[in-house]
């Protein structure tokens, strides 16, 4: 069941990051991948900064979306270079 939630949060976070950043769309599978990678990045960054956004669905979504936005920003910087 945990895998299902990870995919669901990844999909929502990837979609939200895509809406926030605008530009190229990656589709459902791309959103899931961006969201899951974003969750990993966000989790590491929030842990290193000592920030606890809360537990549960909302906290996970905040962390994953923040990480996904950072990931998309990094992808665009690499793409431009």
PDB file of N, CA and C in Angstrom:
ATOM      1  N   UNK A   1       0.816  -1.193   0.000  1.00  0.00           N
ATOM      2  CA  UNK A   1       0.000   0.000   0.000  1.00  0.00           C
ATOM      3  C   UNK A   1       0.863   1.262   0.000  1.00  0.00           C
ATOM      4  N   UNK A   2       2.009   1.187   0.638  1.00  0.00           N
ATOM      5  CA  UNK A   2       2.913   2.335   0.685  1.00  0.00           C
ATOM      6  C   UNK A   2       3.399   2.715  -0.715  1.00  0.00           C
ATOM      7  N   UNK A   3       3.625   1.717  -1.566  1.00  0.00           N
ATOM      8  CA  UNK A   3       4.055   1.960  -2.938  1.00  0.00           C
ATOM      9  C   UNK A   3       2.980   2.742  -3.696  1.00  0.00           C
ATOM     10  N   UNK A   4       1.717   2.394  -3.466  1.00  0.00           N
ATOM     11  CA  UNK A   4       0.603   3.091  -4.110  1.00  0.00           C
ATOM     12  C   UNK A   4       0.599   4.570  -3.735  1.00  0.00           C
ATOM     13  N   UNK A   5       0.790   4.867  -2.450  1.00  0.00           N
ATOM     14  CA  UNK A   5       0.808   6.264  -1.999  1.00  0.00           C
ATOM     15  C   UNK A   5       1.998   7.016  -2.573  1.00  0.00           C
ATOM     16  N   UNK A   6       3.148   6.341  -2.675  1.00  0.00           N
ATOM     17  CA  UNK A   6       4.332   6.981  -3.241  1.00  0.00           C
ATOM     18  C   UNK A   6       4.065   7.375  -4.700  1.00  0.00           C
ATOM     19  N   UNK A   7       3.442   6.487  -5.459  1.00  0.00           N
ATOM     20  CA  UNK A   7       3.124   6.780  -6.855  1.00  0.00           C
ATOM     21  C   UNK A   7       2.089   7.901  -6.941  1.00  0.00           C
ATOM     22  N   UNK A   8       1.061   7.846  -6.102  1.00  0.00           N
ATOM     23  CA  UNK A   8       0.022   8.866  -6.123  1.00  0.00           C
ATOM     24  C   UNK A   8       0.582  10.242  -5.761  1.00  0.00           C
ATOM     25  N   UNK A   9       1.372  10.317  -4.704  1.00  0.00           N
ATOM     26  CA  UNK A   9       1.981  11.587  -4.297  1.00  0.00           C
ATOM     27  C   UNK A   9       2.956  12.058  -5.371  1.00  0.00           C
ATOM     28  N   UNK A  10       3.721  11.134  -5.954  1.00  0.00           N
ATOM     29  CA  UNK A  10       4.632  11.489  -7.037  1.00  0.00           C
ATOM     30  C   UNK A  10       3.915  12.078  -8.232  1.00  0.00           C
ATOM     31  N   UNK A  11       2.783  11.478  -8.578  1.00  0.00           N
ATOM     32  CA  UNK A  11       2.015  11.964  -9.720  1.00  0.00           C
ATOM     33  C   UNK A  11       1.471  13.365  -9.448  1.00  0.00           C
ATOM     34  N   UNK A  12       0.914  13.572  -8.276  1.00  0.00           N
ATOM     35  CA  UNK A  12       0.360  14.882  -7.932  1.00  0.00           C
ATOM     36  C   UNK A  12       1.474  15.927  -7.840  1.00  0.00           C
ATOM     37  N   UNK A  13       2.577  15.565  -7.180  1.00  0.00           N
ATOM     38  CA  UNK A  13       3.689  16.512  -7.030  1.00  0.00           C
ATOM     39  C   UNK A  13       4.300  16.860  -8.388  1.00  0.00           C
ATOM     40  N   UNK A  14       4.455  15.875  -9.255  1.00  0.00           N
ATOM     41  CA  UNK A  14       4.987  16.139 -10.593  1.00  0.00           C
ATOM     42  C   UNK A  14       4.078  17.052 -11.392  1.00  0.00           C
ATOM     43  N   UNK A  15       2.776  16.819 -11.284  1.00  0.00           N
ATOM     44  CA  UNK A  15       1.815  17.665 -11.985  1.00  0.00           C
ATOM     45  C   UNK A  15       1.852  19.089 -11.437  1.00  0.00           C
ATOM     46  N   UNK A  16       1.854  19.218 -10.101  1.00  0.00           N
ATOM     47  CA  UNK A  16       1.905  20.550  -9.488  1.00  0.00           C
ATOM     48  C   UNK A  16       3.180  21.294  -9.877  1.00  0.00           C
ATOM     49  N   UNK A  17       4.307  20.595  -9.872  1.00  0.00           N
ATOM     50  CA  UNK A  17       5.565  21.231 -10.254  1.00  0.00           C
ATOM     51  C   UNK A  17       5.524  21.676 -11.709  1.00  0.00           C
ATOM     52  N   UNK A  18       4.933  20.848 -12.572  1.00  0.00           N
ATOM     53  CA  UNK A  18       4.792  21.214 -13.979  1.00  0.00           C
ATOM     54  C   UNK A  18       3.909  22.437 -14.161  1.00  0.00           C
ATOM     55  N   UNK A  19       2.845  22.532 -13.375  1.00  0.00           N
ATOM     56  CA  UNK A  19       1.961  23.696 -13.437  1.00  0.00           C
ATOM     57  C   UNK A  19       2.678  24.948 -12.945  1.00  0.00           C
ATOM     58  N   UNK A  20       3.442  24.799 -11.889  1.00  0.00           N
ATOM     59  CA  UNK A  20       4.153  25.929 -11.307  1.00  0.00           C
ATOM     60  C   UNK A  20       5.261  26.424 -12.235  1.00  0.00           C
ATOM     61  N   UNK A  21       6.007  25.487 -12.825  1.00  0.00           N
ATOM     62  CA  UNK A  21       7.151  25.850 -13.666  1.00  0.00           C
ATOM     63  C   UNK A  21       6.742  26.199 -15.091  1.00  0.00           C
ATOM     64  N   UNK A  22       5.616  25.679 -15.563  1.00  0.00           N
ATOM     65  CA  UNK A  22       5.181  25.936 -16.932  1.00  0.00           C
ATOM     66  C   UNK A  22       6.126  25.292 -17.940  1.00  0.00           C
ATOM     67  N   UNK A  23       5.918  25.551 -19.195  1.00  0.00           N
ATOM     68  CA  UNK A  23       6.816  25.030 -20.225  1.00  0.00           C
ATOM     69  C   UNK A  23       6.441  23.625 -20.651  1.00  0.00           C
ATOM     70  N   UNK A  24       7.447  22.799 -20.867  1.00  0.00           N
ATOM     71  CA  UNK A  24       7.282  21.453 -21.403  1.00  0.00           C
ATOM     72  C   UNK A  24       6.488  20.562 -20.458  1.00  0.00           C
ATOM     73  N   UNK A  25       5.558  19.810 -21.009  1.00  0.00           N
ATOM     74  CA  UNK A  25       4.787  18.827 -20.245  1.00  0.00           C
ATOM     75  C   UNK A  25       5.412  17.453 -20.471  1.00  0.00           C
ATOM     76  N   UNK A  26       5.380  16.613 -19.442  1.00  0.00           N
ATOM     77  CA  UNK A  26       6.017  15.300 -19.512  1.00  0.00           C
ATOM     78  C   UNK A  26       5.028  14.151 -19.563  1.00  0.00           C
ATOM     79  N   UNK A  27       3.743  14.400 -19.450  1.00  0.00           N
ATOM     80  CA  UNK A  27       2.750  13.335 -19.461  1.00  0.00           C
ATOM     81  C   UNK A  27       2.635  12.688 -18.092  1.00  0.00           C
ATOM     82  N   UNK A  28       1.744  11.717 -17.988  1.00  0.00           N
ATOM     83  CA  UNK A  28       1.468  11.080 -16.698  1.00  0.00           C
ATOM     84  C   UNK A  28       2.692  10.343 -16.170  1.00  0.00           C
ATOM     85  N   UNK A  29       3.321   9.532 -17.009  1.00  0.00           N
ATOM     86  CA  UNK A  29       4.496   8.769 -16.566  1.00  0.00           C
ATOM     87  C   UNK A  29       5.636   9.710 -16.210  1.00  0.00           C
ATOM     88  N   UNK A  30       5.846  10.736 -17.006  1.00  0.00           N
ATOM     89  CA  UNK A  30       6.884  11.719 -16.720  1.00  0.00           C
ATOM     90  C   UNK A  30       6.618  12.460 -15.424  1.00  0.00           C
ATOM     91  N   UNK A  31       5.342  12.802 -15.177  1.00  0.00           N
ATOM     92  CA  UNK A  31       4.980  13.467 -13.920  1.00  0.00           C
ATOM     93  C   UNK A  31       5.270  12.573 -12.714  1.00  0.00           C
ATOM     94  N   UNK A  32       4.975  11.288 -12.848  1.00  0.00           N
ATOM     95  CA  UNK A  32       5.249  10.355 -11.759  1.00  0.00           C
ATOM     96  C   UNK A  32       6.743  10.295 -11.486  1.00  0.00           C
ATOM     97  N   UNK A  33       7.533  10.189 -12.548  1.00  0.00           N
ATOM     98  CA  UNK A  33       8.989  10.101 -12.389  1.00  0.00           C
ATOM     99  C   UNK A  33       9.535  11.386 -11.775  1.00  0.00           C
ATOM    100  N   UNK A  34       9.101  12.530 -12.288  1.00  0.00           N
ATOM    101  CA  UNK A  34       9.542  13.828 -11.740  1.00  0.00           C
ATOM    102  C   UNK A  34       9.130  13.946 -10.276  1.00  0.00           C
ATOM    103  N   UNK A  35       7.911  13.534  -9.949  1.00  0.00           N
ATOM    104  CA  UNK A  35       7.423  13.620  -8.577  1.00  0.00           C
ATOM    105  C   UNK A  35       8.174  12.711  -7.618  1.00  0.00           C
ATOM    106  N   UNK A  36       8.474  11.485  -8.041  1.00  0.00           N
ATOM    107  CA  UNK A  36       9.195  10.552  -7.174  1.00  0.00           C
ATOM    108  C   UNK A  36      10.631  11.029  -6.964  1.00  0.00           C
ATOM    109  N   UNK A  37      11.297  11.458  -8.036  1.00  0.00           N
ATOM    110  CA  UNK A  37      12.652  12.006  -7.890  1.00  0.00           C
ATOM    111  C   UNK A  37      12.606  13.270  -7.035  1.00  0.00           C
ATOM    112  N   UNK A  38      11.578  14.089  -7.242  1.00  0.00           N
ATOM    113  CA  UNK A  38      11.408  15.289  -6.436  1.00  0.00           C
ATOM    114  C   UNK A  38      11.199  14.970  -4.965  1.00  0.00           C
ATOM    115  N   UNK A  39      10.473  13.897  -4.678  1.00  0.00           N
ATOM    116  CA  UNK A  39      10.262  13.487  -3.287  1.00  0.00           C
ATOM    117  C   UNK A  39      11.585  13.105  -2.632  1.00  0.00           C
ATOM    118  N   UNK A  40      12.437  12.436  -3.375  1.00  0.00           N
ATOM    119  CA  UNK A  40      13.750  12.056  -2.844  1.00  0.00           C
ATOM    120  C   UNK A  40      14.592  13.302  -2.596  1.00  0.00           C
ATOM    121  N   UNK A  41      14.644  14.185  -3.590  1.00  0.00           N
ATOM    122  CA  UNK A  41      15.419  15.424  -3.457  1.00  0.00           C
ATOM    123  C   UNK A  41      14.866  16.279  -2.320  1.00  0.00           C
ATOM    124  N   UNK A  42      13.549  16.452  -2.295  1.00  0.00           N
ATOM    125  CA  UNK A  42      12.918  17.248  -1.252  1.00  0.00           C
ATOM    126  C   UNK A  42      13.146  16.666   0.135  1.00  0.00           C
ATOM    127  N   UNK A  43      13.053  15.350   0.241  1.00  0.00           N
ATOM    128  CA  UNK A  43      13.284  14.701   1.529  1.00  0.00           C
ATOM    129  C   UNK A  43      14.689  14.940   2.051  1.00  0.00           C
ATOM    130  N   UNK A  44      15.663  14.834   1.157  1.00  0.00           N
ATOM    131  CA  UNK A  44      17.059  15.067   1.551  1.00  0.00           C
ATOM    132  C   UNK A  44      17.263  16.530   1.959  1.00  0.00           C
ATOM    133  N   UNK A  45      16.752  17.456   1.146  1.00  0.00           N
ATOM    134  CA  UNK A  45      16.937  18.881   1.431  1.00  0.00           C
ATOM    135  C   UNK A  45      16.234  19.317   2.716  1.00  0.00           C
ATOM    136  N   UNK A  46      15.000  18.864   2.905  1.00  0.00           N
ATOM    137  CA  UNK A  46      14.270  19.235   4.109  1.00  0.00           C
ATOM    138  C   UNK A  46      14.931  18.651   5.351  1.00  0.00           C
ATOM    139  N   UNK A  47      15.444  17.423   5.237  1.00  0.00           N
ATOM    140  CA  UNK A  47      16.114  16.794   6.375  1.00  0.00           C
ATOM    141  C   UNK A  47      17.400  17.534   6.717  1.00  0.00           C
ATOM    142  N   UNK A  48      18.195  17.882   5.704  1.00  0.00           N
ATOM    143  CA  UNK A  48      19.450  18.601   5.934  1.00  0.00           C
ATOM    144  C   UNK A  48      19.204  19.987   6.525  1.00  0.00           C
ATOM    145  N   UNK A  49      18.103  20.623   6.112  1.00  0.00           N
ATOM    146  CA  UNK A  49      17.783  21.956   6.620  1.00  0.00           C
ATOM    147  C   UNK A  49      17.108  21.892   7.989  1.00  0.00           C
ATOM    148  N   UNK A  50      16.705  20.702   8.420  1.00  0.00           N
ATOM    149  CA  UNK A  50      16.049  20.552   9.710  1.00  0.00           C
ATOM    150  C   UNK A  50      14.609  21.039   9.719  1.00  0.00           C
ATOM    151  N   UNK A  51      13.992  21.061   8.544  1.00  0.00           N
ATOM    152  CA  UNK A  51      12.616  21.531   8.419  1.00  0.00           C
ATOM    153  C   UNK A  51      11.677  20.327   8.413  1.00  0.00           C
ATOM    154  N   UNK A  52      10.656  20.376   9.236  1.00  0.00           N
ATOM    155  CA  UNK A  52       9.651  19.317   9.288  1.00  0.00           C
ATOM    156  C   UNK A  52       8.309  19.901   8.850  1.00  0.00           C
ATOM    157  N   UNK A  53       7.879  19.664   7.592  1.00  0.00           N
ATOM    158  CA  UNK A  53       6.631  20.258   7.116  1.00  0.00           C
ATOM    159  C   UNK A  53       5.383  19.596   7.681  1.00  0.00           C
ATOM    160  N   UNK A  54       5.539  18.557   8.450  1.00  0.00           N
ATOM    161  CA  UNK A  54       4.395  17.832   8.998  1.00  0.00           C
ATOM    162  C   UNK A  54       4.353  16.438   8.416  1.00  0.00           C
ATOM    163  N   UNK A  55       3.560  15.604   9.013  1.00  0.00           N
ATOM    164  CA  UNK A  55       3.463  14.241   8.533  1.00  0.00           C
ATOM    165  C   UNK A  55       2.167  14.069   7.757  1.00  0.00           C
ATOM    166  N   UNK A  56       2.025  12.944   7.144  1.00  0.00           N
ATOM    167  CA  UNK A  56       0.807  12.656   6.401  1.00  0.00           C
ATOM    168  C   UNK A  56       0.879  13.097   4.959  1.00  0.00           C
ATOM    169  N   UNK A  57      -0.262  13.109   4.348  1.00  0.00           N
ATOM    170  CA  UNK A  57      -0.370  13.386   2.923  1.00  0.00           C
ATOM    171  C   UNK A  57       0.082  14.799   2.560  1.00  0.00           C
ATOM    172  N   UNK A  58      -0.363  15.793   3.308  1.00  0.00           N
ATOM    173  CA  UNK A  58      -0.035  17.184   2.989  1.00  0.00           C
ATOM    174  C   UNK A  58       1.455  17.445   3.138  1.00  0.00           C
ATOM    175  N   UNK A  59       2.051  16.980   4.227  1.00  0.00           N
ATOM    176  CA  UNK A  59       3.491  17.162   4.429  1.00  0.00           C
ATOM    177  C   UNK A  59       4.304  16.492   3.341  1.00  0.00           C
ATOM    178  N   UNK A  60       3.919  15.268   2.979  1.00  0.00           N
ATOM    179  CA  UNK A  60       4.618  14.551   1.909  1.00  0.00           C
ATOM    180  C   UNK A  60       4.474  15.268   0.582  1.00  0.00           C
ATOM    181  N   UNK A  61       3.298  15.806   0.334  1.00  0.00           N
ATOM    182  CA  UNK A  61       3.051  16.524  -0.915  1.00  0.00           C
ATOM    183  C   UNK A  61       3.866  17.808  -0.990  1.00  0.00           C
ATOM    184  N   UNK A  62       4.000  18.513   0.129  1.00  0.00           N
ATOM    185  CA  UNK A  62       4.813  19.727   0.162  1.00  0.00           C
ATOM    186  C   UNK A  62       6.270  19.405  -0.136  1.00  0.00           C
ATOM    187  N   UNK A  63       6.791  18.374   0.518  1.00  0.00           N
ATOM    188  CA  UNK A  63       8.187  17.976   0.312  1.00  0.00           C
ATOM    189  C   UNK A  63       8.413  17.533  -1.131  1.00  0.00           C
ATOM    190  N   UNK A  64       7.539  16.671  -1.640  1.00  0.00           N
ATOM    191  CA  UNK A  64       7.699  16.141  -2.996  1.00  0.00           C
ATOM    192  C   UNK A  64       7.563  17.235  -4.047  1.00  0.00           C
ATOM    193  N   UNK A  65       6.613  18.139  -3.873  1.00  0.00           N
ATOM    194  CA  UNK A  65       6.421  19.215  -4.844  1.00  0.00           C
ATOM    195  C   UNK A  65       7.603  20.173  -4.846  1.00  0.00           C
ATOM    196  N   UNK A  66       8.098  20.517  -3.666  1.00  0.00           N
ATOM    197  CA  UNK A  66       9.273  21.389  -3.576  1.00  0.00           C
ATOM    198  C   UNK A  66      10.477  20.736  -4.266  1.00  0.00           C
ATOM    199  N   UNK A  67      10.697  19.469  -3.982  1.00  0.00           N
ATOM    200  CA  UNK A  67      11.797  18.753  -4.627  1.00  0.00           C
ATOM    201  C   UNK A  67      11.630  18.644  -6.129  1.00  0.00           C
ATOM    202  N   UNK A  68      10.394  18.424  -6.585  1.00  0.00           N
ATOM    203  CA  UNK A  68      10.130  18.320  -8.019  1.00  0.00           C
ATOM    204  C   UNK A  68      10.365  19.650  -8.733  1.00  0.00           C
ATOM    205  N   UNK A  69      10.005  20.757  -8.085  1.00  0.00           N
ATOM    206  CA  UNK A  69      10.258  22.080  -8.666  1.00  0.00           C
ATOM    207  C   UNK A  69      11.756  22.311  -8.796  1.00  0.00           C
ATOM    208  N   UNK A  70      12.500  21.955  -7.759  1.00  0.00           N
ATOM    209  CA  UNK A  70      13.956  22.098  -7.802  1.00  0.00           C
ATOM    210  C   UNK A  70      14.539  21.205  -8.891  1.00  0.00           C
ATOM    211  N   UNK A  71      14.032  19.985  -8.996  1.00  0.00           N
ATOM    212  CA  UNK A  71      14.504  19.049 -10.032  1.00  0.00           C
ATOM    213  C   UNK A  71      14.228  19.590 -11.437  1.00  0.00           C
ATOM    214  N   UNK A  72      13.013  20.098 -11.671  1.00  0.00           N
ATOM    215  CA  UNK A  72      12.687  20.666 -12.986  1.00  0.00           C
ATOM    216  C   UNK A  72      13.546  21.886 -13.300  1.00  0.00           C
ATOM    217  N   UNK A  73      13.783  22.718 -12.299  1.00  0.00           N
ATOM    218  CA  UNK A  73      14.645  23.879 -12.490  1.00  0.00           C
ATOM    219  C   UNK A  73      16.054  23.431 -12.890  1.00  0.00           C
ATOM    220  N   UNK A  74      16.571  22.426 -12.207  1.00  0.00           N
ATOM    221  CA  UNK A  74      17.888  21.888 -12.542  1.00  0.00           C
ATOM    222  C   UNK A  74      17.933  21.309 -13.941  1.00  0.00           C
ATOM    223  N   UNK A  75      16.884  20.587 -14.340  1.00  0.00           N
ATOM    224  CA  UNK A  75      16.822  20.040 -15.696  1.00  0.00           C
ATOM    225  C   UNK A  75      16.851  21.151 -16.741  1.00  0.00           C
ATOM    226  N   UNK A  76      16.136  22.213 -16.475  1.00  0.00           N
ATOM    227  CA  UNK A  76      16.111  23.333 -17.441  1.00  0.00           C
ATOM    228  C   UNK A  76      17.451  24.048 -17.506  1.00  0.00           C
ATOM    229  N   UNK A  77      18.148  24.141 -16.400  1.00  0.00           N
ATOM    230  CA  UNK A  77      19.487  24.765 -16.402  1.00  0.00           C
ATOM    231  C   UNK A  77      20.468  23.909 -17.218  1.00  0.00           C
ATOM    232  N   UNK A  78      20.395  22.602 -17.051  1.00  0.00           N
ATOM    233  CA  UNK A  78      21.270  21.696 -17.799  1.00  0.00           C
ATOM    234  C   UNK A  78      20.920  21.731 -19.283  1.00  0.00           C
ATOM    235  N   UNK A  79      19.639  21.789 -19.591  1.00  0.00           N
ATOM    236  CA  UNK A  79      19.185  21.821 -20.966  1.00  0.00           C
ATOM    237  C   UNK A  79      19.658  23.074 -21.700  1.00  0.00           C
ATOM    238  N   UNK A  80      19.694  24.221 -20.993  1.00  0.00           N
ATOM    239  CA  UNK A  80      20.141  25.470 -21.599  1.00  0.00           C
ATOM    240  C   UNK A  80      21.648  25.497 -21.845  1.00  0.00           C
ATOM    241  N   UNK A  81      22.389  24.797 -21.011  1.00  0.00           N
ATOM    242  CA  UNK A  81      23.858  24.842 -21.099  1.00  0.00           C
ATOM    243  C   UNK A  81      24.396  24.018 -22.228  1.00  0.00           C
TER     244      UNK A  81
END
